């Protein structure tokens, strides 16, 4: 495991979806898809931690080192991304 955590933000053509690329492996599976917060609450430990701590996430997909996040209407990306960064930093460090 790395001694530090990084996360790069990639916007998409949909203003309600971003890709967050990390320097950590988020899943050993090909893909984890959580179409609702309720699905994430019973998902992998990372998905559970994110859905528990971060308001405003509508859907989440984990692919290797990347999170694909869909936000709920009315939530700012700045707050969501900052909270996700904090959760993942705590999870990995």
Protein backbone atom coordinates (compact mmCIF):
# COMPACT_ATOMS: atom_id res chain seq x y z
CA UNK A 1 0.00 0.00 0.00
CA UNK A 2 1.18 3.51 -0.75
CA UNK A 3 2.11 5.85 2.07
CA UNK A 4 -0.05 8.57 0.55
CA UNK A 5 -3.39 8.88 -1.18
CA UNK A 6 -4.09 10.83 -4.37
CA UNK A 7 -7.25 11.42 -6.35
CA UNK A 8 -7.66 13.06 -9.75
CA UNK A 9 -11.01 14.42 -10.92
CA UNK A 10 -12.22 13.81 -14.48
CA UNK A 11 -15.40 15.53 -15.61
CA UNK A 12 -17.77 13.87 -18.05
CA UNK A 13 -20.27 15.15 -20.59
CA UNK A 14 -22.97 14.68 -17.93
CA UNK A 15 -22.71 17.44 -15.28
CA UNK A 16 -24.05 15.04 -12.64
CA UNK A 17 -21.32 12.40 -13.16
CA UNK A 18 -17.58 12.57 -12.40
CA UNK A 19 -14.78 10.03 -12.43
CA UNK A 20 -12.39 10.03 -9.49
CA UNK A 21 -9.13 8.26 -10.27
CA UNK A 22 -7.05 7.19 -7.27
CA UNK A 23 -3.63 5.68 -6.71
CA UNK A 24 -5.22 2.80 -4.76
CA UNK A 25 -7.03 -0.36 -5.84
CA UNK A 26 -10.68 0.12 -4.90
CA UNK A 27 -11.97 -3.30 -5.94
CA UNK A 28 -10.56 -6.66 -6.91
CA UNK A 29 -13.66 -7.37 -9.00
CA UNK A 30 -14.06 -6.24 -12.59
CA UNK A 31 -16.69 -3.74 -11.51
CA UNK A 32 -18.93 -2.95 -8.53
CA UNK A 33 -22.14 -1.12 -9.40
CA UNK A 34 -24.37 0.51 -6.79
CA UNK A 35 -27.34 2.13 -8.55
CA UNK A 36 -28.80 3.46 -5.27
CA UNK A 37 -27.55 4.44 -1.82
CA UNK A 38 -29.45 1.45 -0.42
CA UNK A 39 -27.46 -0.92 -2.64
CA UNK A 40 -24.22 0.69 -1.43
CA UNK A 41 -25.18 0.25 2.21
CA UNK A 42 -24.82 -3.53 1.78
CA UNK A 43 -21.95 -3.41 -0.71
CA UNK A 44 -18.21 -3.63 -0.29
CA UNK A 45 -16.55 -1.97 2.72
CA UNK A 46 -15.44 0.99 0.58
CA UNK A 47 -18.92 1.50 -0.86
CA UNK A 48 -20.46 1.27 2.60
CA UNK A 49 -18.01 3.83 3.99
CA UNK A 50 -18.68 6.27 1.16
CA UNK A 51 -22.48 5.98 1.24
CA UNK A 52 -22.51 6.23 5.04
CA UNK A 53 -20.34 9.36 5.22
CA UNK A 54 -21.17 11.31 2.05
CA UNK A 55 -24.51 12.95 1.36
CA UNK A 56 -25.64 13.60 -2.19
CA UNK A 57 -24.49 10.45 -3.97
CA UNK A 58 -27.18 8.87 -6.12
CA UNK A 59 -25.10 6.06 -7.68
CA UNK A 60 -21.56 4.73 -7.46
CA UNK A 61 -19.46 2.43 -9.61
CA UNK A 62 -16.01 1.14 -8.63
CA UNK A 63 -13.65 -0.06 -11.36
CA UNK A 64 -10.10 -0.94 -10.28
CA UNK A 65 -8.74 2.45 -9.15
CA UNK A 66 -11.67 4.60 -10.33
CA UNK A 67 -14.93 5.76 -8.77
CA UNK A 68 -17.71 6.85 -11.10
CA UNK A 69 -20.01 9.02 -9.02
CA UNK A 70 -23.50 10.25 -9.87
CA UNK A 71 -24.76 13.05 -7.64
CA UNK A 72 -28.28 13.79 -6.51
CA UNK A 73 -29.83 17.07 -7.70
CA UNK A 74 -29.03 20.06 -5.52
CA UNK A 75 -25.70 18.83 -4.12
CA UNK A 76 -22.40 20.53 -4.94
CA UNK A 77 -19.52 18.58 -6.41
CA UNK A 78 -17.07 20.42 -4.18
CA UNK A 79 -18.64 19.05 -0.99
CA UNK A 80 -19.14 15.53 -2.37
CA UNK A 81 -15.59 15.24 -3.70
CA UNK A 82 -14.03 16.64 -0.51
CA UNK A 83 -15.99 14.16 1.62
CA UNK A 84 -15.13 11.22 -0.65
CA UNK A 85 -11.45 12.20 -0.51
CA UNK A 86 -11.60 12.25 3.31
CA UNK A 87 -13.33 8.85 3.48
CA UNK A 88 -10.85 7.21 1.12
CA UNK A 89 -7.84 8.80 2.82
CA UNK A 90 -9.05 7.46 6.17
CA UNK A 91 -9.79 4.05 4.62
CA UNK A 92 -6.34 3.61 3.06
CA UNK A 93 -4.04 5.40 5.49
